[in-house]
C-alpha atoms as a PDB file:
ATOM      1  CA  MET A   1      24.574 -31.950  61.799  1.00  0.00           C
ATOM      2  CA  LYS A   2      24.129 -35.535  62.884  1.00  0.00           C
ATOM      3  CA  LEU A   3      27.330 -37.526  63.509  1.00  0.00           C
ATOM      4  CA  LEU A   4      27.240 -40.786  61.522  1.00  0.00           C
ATOM      5  CA  TYR A   5      30.837 -41.992  61.773  1.00  0.00           C
ATOM      6  CA  GLU A   6      33.957 -41.115  63.701  1.00  0.00           C
ATOM      7  CA  ALA A   7      37.357 -42.798  63.288  1.00  0.00           C
ATOM      8  CA  SER A   8      38.116 -42.693  67.003  1.00  0.00           C
ATOM      9  CA  ASN A   9      35.494 -45.445  67.352  1.00  0.00           C
ATOM     10  CA  PHE A  10      37.656 -47.746  65.226  1.00  0.00           C
ATOM     11  CA  THR A  11      37.739 -51.326  66.481  1.00  0.00           C
ATOM     12  CA  ILE A  12      39.984 -54.185  65.453  1.00  0.00           C
ATOM     13  CA  GLN A  13      38.018 -57.032  63.908  1.00  0.00           C
ATOM     14  CA  ALA A  14      38.927 -60.652  64.565  1.00  0.00           C
ATOM     15  CA  ARG A  15      38.899 -61.523  60.853  1.00  0.00           C
ATOM     16  CA  TRP A  16      41.906 -59.221  60.377  1.00  0.00           C
ATOM     17  CA  VAL A  17      43.928 -60.622  63.293  1.00  0.00           C
ATOM     18  CA  ILE A  18      43.198 -64.368  63.364  1.00  0.00           C
ATOM     19  CA  PRO A  19      45.095 -65.333  60.159  1.00  0.00           C
ATOM     20  CA  PHE A  20      48.260 -63.579  61.352  1.00  0.00           C
ATOM     21  CA  ALA A  21      47.920 -64.985  64.865  1.00  0.00           C
ATOM     22  CA  ILE A  22      47.696 -68.508  63.435  1.00  0.00           C
ATOM     23  CA  LEU A  23      50.694 -67.859  61.196  1.00  0.00           C
ATOM     24  CA  GLY A  24      52.666 -66.521  64.177  1.00  0.00           C
ATOM     25  CA  ILE A  25      51.803 -69.542  66.324  1.00  0.00           C
ATOM     26  CA  ILE A  26      52.869 -71.885  63.524  1.00  0.00           C
ATOM     27  CA  GLY A  27      56.136 -69.941  63.175  1.00  0.00           C
ATOM     28  CA  VAL A  28      56.893 -70.152  66.904  1.00  0.00           C
ATOM     29  CA  LEU A  29      56.018 -73.861  67.084  1.00  0.00           C
ATOM     30  CA  LEU A  30      58.226 -74.646  64.082  1.00  0.00           C
ATOM     31  CA  LEU A  31      61.066 -72.629  65.580  1.00  0.00           C
ATOM     32  CA  LEU A  32      60.847 -74.378  68.963  1.00  0.00           C
ATOM     33  CA  CYS A  33      60.036 -77.933  67.879  1.00  0.00           C
ATOM     34  CA  SER A  34      61.904 -78.544  64.651  1.00  0.00           C
ATOM     35  CA  ARG A  35      65.518 -79.466  64.128  1.00  0.00           C
ATOM     36  CA  LYS A  36      65.638 -79.483  60.343  1.00  0.00           C
ATOM     37  CA  PRO A  37      66.932 -76.353  58.566  1.00  0.00           C
ATOM     38  CA  PHE A  38      63.968 -76.253  56.162  1.00  0.00           C
ATOM     39  CA  PHE A  39      61.465 -75.944  59.029  1.00  0.00           C
ATOM     40  CA  LYS A  40      63.625 -73.341  60.767  1.00  0.00           C
ATOM     41  CA  LEU A  41      63.572 -71.319  57.532  1.00  0.00           C
ATOM     42  CA  LEU A  42      59.823 -71.799  57.224  1.00  0.00           C
ATOM     43  CA  SER A  43      59.342 -70.566  60.793  1.00  0.00           C
ATOM     44  CA  ALA A  44      61.463 -67.491  60.060  1.00  0.00           C
ATOM     45  CA  VAL A  45      59.316 -66.702  56.997  1.00  0.00           C
ATOM     46  CA  CYS A  46      56.121 -67.021  59.072  1.00  0.00           C
ATOM     47  CA  LEU A  47      57.472 -64.743  61.801  1.00  0.00           C
ATOM     48  CA  VAL A  48      58.739 -62.136  59.308  1.00  0.00           C
ATOM     49  CA  ILE A  49      55.309 -61.988  57.644  1.00  0.00           C
ATOM     50  CA  CYS A  50      53.672 -61.486  61.059  1.00  0.00           C
ATOM     51  CA  ALA A  51      56.166 -58.767  62.003  1.00  0.00           C
ATOM     52  CA  ILE A  52      55.589 -56.884  58.735  1.00  0.00           C
ATOM     53  CA  ALA A  53      51.805 -57.095  59.184  1.00  0.00           C
ATOM     54  CA  ALA A  54      52.056 -55.807  62.767  1.00  0.00           C
ATOM     55  CA  LEU A  55      54.304 -52.907  61.751  1.00  0.00           C
ATOM     56  CA  ARG A  56      52.000 -51.903  58.875  1.00  0.00           C
ATOM     57  CA  PHE A  57      49.023 -52.024  61.228  1.00  0.00           C
ATOM     58  CA  CYS A  58      50.772 -49.824  63.801  1.00  0.00           C
ATOM     59  CA  PHE A  59      51.931 -47.363  61.131  1.00  0.00           C
ATOM     60  CA  GLY A  60      48.394 -47.118  59.709  1.00  0.00           C
ATOM     61  CA  TYR A  61      46.928 -46.593  63.150  1.00  0.00           C
ATOM     62  CA  VAL A  62      49.362 -43.826  64.035  1.00  0.00           C
ATOM     63  CA  GLN A  63      49.087 -42.154  60.645  1.00  0.00           C
ATOM     64  CA  VAL A  64      45.292 -41.982  60.562  1.00  0.00           C
ATOM     65  CA  ILE A  65      43.641 -42.558  63.934  1.00  0.00           C
ATOM     66  CA  GLN A  66      46.158 -40.610  66.010  1.00  0.00           C
ATOM     67  CA  ALA A  67      46.191 -37.772  63.476  1.00  0.00           C
ATOM     68  CA  TYR A  68      42.399 -37.598  63.698  1.00  0.00           C
ATOM     69  CA  LYS A  69      42.410 -37.620  67.497  1.00  0.00           C
ATOM     70  CA  GLN A  70      44.897 -34.719  67.429  1.00  0.00           C
ATOM     71  CA  GLY A  71      42.670 -32.746  65.041  1.00  0.00           C
ATOM     72  CA  ASN A  72      45.079 -32.992  62.084  1.00  0.00           C
ATOM     73  CA  TYR A  73      42.493 -33.456  59.338  1.00  0.00           C
ATOM     74  CA  LYS A  74      40.652 -31.428  56.690  1.00  0.00           C
ATOM     75  CA  SER A  75      36.909 -31.078  56.129  1.00  0.00           C
ATOM     76  CA  VAL A  76      34.725 -30.574  53.096  1.00  0.00           C
ATOM     77  CA  GLU A  77      30.997 -29.875  53.253  1.00  0.00           C
ATOM     78  CA  GLY A  78      28.431 -30.091  50.490  1.00  0.00           C
ATOM     79  CA  TYR A  79      26.283 -32.352  48.364  1.00  0.00           C
ATOM     80  CA  VAL A  80      27.411 -35.825  47.281  1.00  0.00           C
ATOM     81  CA  GLU A  81      28.052 -35.916  43.533  1.00  0.00           C
ATOM     82  CA  ASN A  82      29.099 -38.658  41.100  1.00  0.00           C
ATOM     83  CA  PHE A  83      28.141 -41.386  43.571  1.00  0.00           C
ATOM     84  CA  ILE A  84      29.092 -44.841  42.281  1.00  0.00           C
ATOM     85  CA  PRO A  85      27.864 -47.592  44.611  1.00  0.00           C
ATOM     86  CA  ALA A  86      29.800 -50.780  45.211  1.00  0.00           C
ATOM     87  CA  SER A  87      28.413 -53.913  43.658  1.00  0.00           C
ATOM     88  CA  SER A  88      26.754 -56.552  45.785  1.00  0.00           C
ATOM     89  CA  GLY A  89      29.953 -58.604  45.771  1.00  0.00           C
ATOM     90  CA  GLY A  90      31.187 -61.733  44.118  1.00  0.00           C
ATOM     91  CA  GLU A  91      33.248 -60.081  41.390  1.00  0.00           C
ATOM     92  CA  ASP A  92      36.825 -61.049  40.663  1.00  0.00           C
ATOM     93  CA  GLN A  93      38.059 -57.467  40.417  1.00  0.00           C
ATOM     94  CA  GLU A  94      38.643 -55.614  43.650  1.00  0.00           C
ATOM     95  CA  ASP A  95      37.626 -52.253  42.168  1.00  0.00           C
ATOM     96  CA  MET A  96      34.095 -53.615  41.666  1.00  0.00           C
ATOM     97  CA  GLU A  97      33.848 -53.802  45.454  1.00  0.00           C
ATOM     98  CA  GLU A  98      34.716 -50.122  45.889  1.00  0.00           C
ATOM     99  CA  GLU A  99      32.392 -47.177  46.194  1.00  0.00           C
ATOM    100  CA  SER A 100      33.220 -43.578  45.286  1.00  0.00           C
ATOM    101  CA  PHE A 101      31.823 -40.060  45.314  1.00  0.00           C
ATOM    102  CA  ASP A 102      32.854 -36.397  45.184  1.00  0.00           C
ATOM    103  CA  ILE A 103      32.057 -33.391  47.340  1.00  0.00           C
ATOM    104  CA  LYS A 104      33.104 -30.010  45.932  1.00  0.00           C
ATOM    105  CA  GLY A 105      35.770 -31.627  43.754  1.00  0.00           C
ATOM    106  CA  VAL A 106      37.286 -33.792  46.508  1.00  0.00           C
ATOM    107  CA  HIS A 107      37.174 -37.450  45.400  1.00  0.00           C
ATOM    108  CA  PHE A 108      36.683 -40.275  47.915  1.00  0.00           C
ATOM    109  CA  SER A 109      36.763 -44.038  47.346  1.00  0.00           C
ATOM    110  CA  TYR A 110      36.586 -46.929  49.782  1.00  0.00           C
ATOM    111  CA  GLY A 111      35.460 -50.537  50.042  1.00  0.00           C
ATOM    112  CA  ASP A 112      35.107 -53.453  52.397  1.00  0.00           C
ATOM    113  CA  LYS A 113      37.078 -56.091  50.458  1.00  0.00           C
ATOM    114  CA  PHE A 114      39.861 -55.709  53.012  1.00  0.00           C
ATOM    115  CA  ILE A 115      40.712 -52.726  55.146  1.00  0.00           C
ATOM    116  CA  LYS A 116      43.392 -51.079  53.037  1.00  0.00           C
ATOM    117  CA  LYS A 117      43.344 -47.904  55.045  1.00  0.00           C
ATOM    118  CA  PHE A 118      41.999 -46.956  58.419  1.00  0.00           C
ATOM    119  CA  GLY A 119      38.813 -44.942  58.444  1.00  0.00           C
ATOM    120  CA  TYR A 120      35.376 -45.317  56.934  1.00  0.00           C
ATOM    121  CA  HIS A 121      35.113 -48.239  54.530  1.00  0.00           C
ATOM    122  CA  ARG A 122      31.531 -49.592  54.576  1.00  0.00           C
ATOM    123  CA  PRO A 123      29.804 -49.510  51.167  1.00  0.00           C
ATOM    124  CA  SER A 124      26.105 -48.649  50.871  1.00  0.00           C
ATOM    125  CA  THR A 125      25.419 -52.251  49.805  1.00  0.00           C
ATOM    126  CA  GLN A 126      26.501 -53.312  53.307  1.00  0.00           C
ATOM    127  CA  GLY A 127      24.578 -50.671  55.254  1.00  0.00           C
ATOM    128  CA  GLY A 128      26.964 -47.755  54.800  1.00  0.00           C
ATOM    129  CA  TYR A 129      25.960 -44.168  55.503  1.00  0.00           C
ATOM    130  CA  ILE A 130      26.733 -42.670  52.106  1.00  0.00           C
ATOM    131  CA  LYS A 131      23.930 -43.800  49.837  1.00  0.00           C
ATOM    132  CA  LYS A 132      23.222 -41.458  46.922  1.00  0.00           C
ATOM    133  CA  ASP A 133      23.855 -38.242  45.058  1.00  0.00           C
ATOM    134  CA  GLY A 134      22.339 -35.222  46.745  1.00  0.00           C
ATOM    135  CA  GLN A 135      23.070 -36.174  50.363  1.00  0.00           C
ATOM    136  CA  TYR A 136      24.392 -33.153  52.245  1.00  0.00           C
ATOM    137  CA  LEU A 137      27.437 -34.278  54.216  1.00  0.00           C
ATOM    138  CA  LYS A 138      30.393 -32.848  56.052  1.00  0.00           C
ATOM    139  CA  ILE A 139      33.354 -35.198  55.583  1.00  0.00           C
ATOM    140  CA  GLY A 140      36.512 -35.078  57.710  1.00  0.00           C
ATOM    141  CA  TYR A 141      39.462 -36.647  55.896  1.00  0.00           C
ATOM    142  CA  ILE A 142      43.188 -37.240  56.037  1.00  0.00           C
ATOM    143  CA  SER A 143      45.393 -37.350  52.956  1.00  0.00           C
ATOM    144  CA  THR A 144      47.607 -40.455  52.642  1.00  0.00           C
ATOM    145  CA  GLU A 145      49.647 -41.996  49.844  1.00  0.00           C
ATOM    146  CA  LYS A 146      46.638 -44.244  49.102  1.00  0.00           C
ATOM    147  CA  GLY A 147      44.200 -41.348  48.805  1.00  0.00           C
ATOM    148  CA  TYR A 148      41.844 -39.613  51.175  1.00  0.00           C
ATOM    149  CA  VAL A 149      40.824 -41.532  54.293  1.00  0.00           C
ATOM    150  CA  ILE A 150      37.427 -40.582  55.715  1.00  0.00           C
ATOM    151  CA  VAL A 151      37.678 -40.049  59.478  1.00  0.00           C
ATOM    152  CA  LYS A 152      34.377 -38.312  60.198  1.00  0.00           C
ATOM    153  CA  ILE A 153      30.947 -38.161  58.542  1.00  0.00           C
ATOM    154  CA  GLN A 154      28.196 -35.773  59.532  1.00  0.00           C
ATOM    155  CA  GLU A 155      24.853 -35.401  57.756  1.00  0.00           C
ATOM    156  CA  ARG A 156      22.541 -32.420  57.669  1.00  0.00           C
ATOM    157  CA  LYS A 157      19.103 -33.378  58.920  1.00  0.00           C
END
């Protein structure tokens, strides 16, 4: 089996961090430089949003990446069935950006609109590894409240 993807290689992308960093900087500047109550309240809102985003990120990391690194995941092996590719983009509905498939009755869906869950999320339309029905794959996955998160992909040569 050829290893195509592994969650332990997860990297933080700047496009996820920059908006919250800017919001945090604005919040700190407003807190330090303003004297009016409205701007103090605005700074508090900015900082609370940043804190919530940071906590969700840390929780997601621990729940998925750490669980994978500790070997706490399931595997399913077989042929890809019911493959539905993501569209090329530009739609208004987020579900149009998602891709899905089944292996032996286990349903997976993911997309690159925004990283909703840690793990594999690159659709075939953007160079992803899962491309069609009939591919023989071994998928490592973790069950979360949002569904199954793919943490490892191996393909039979």
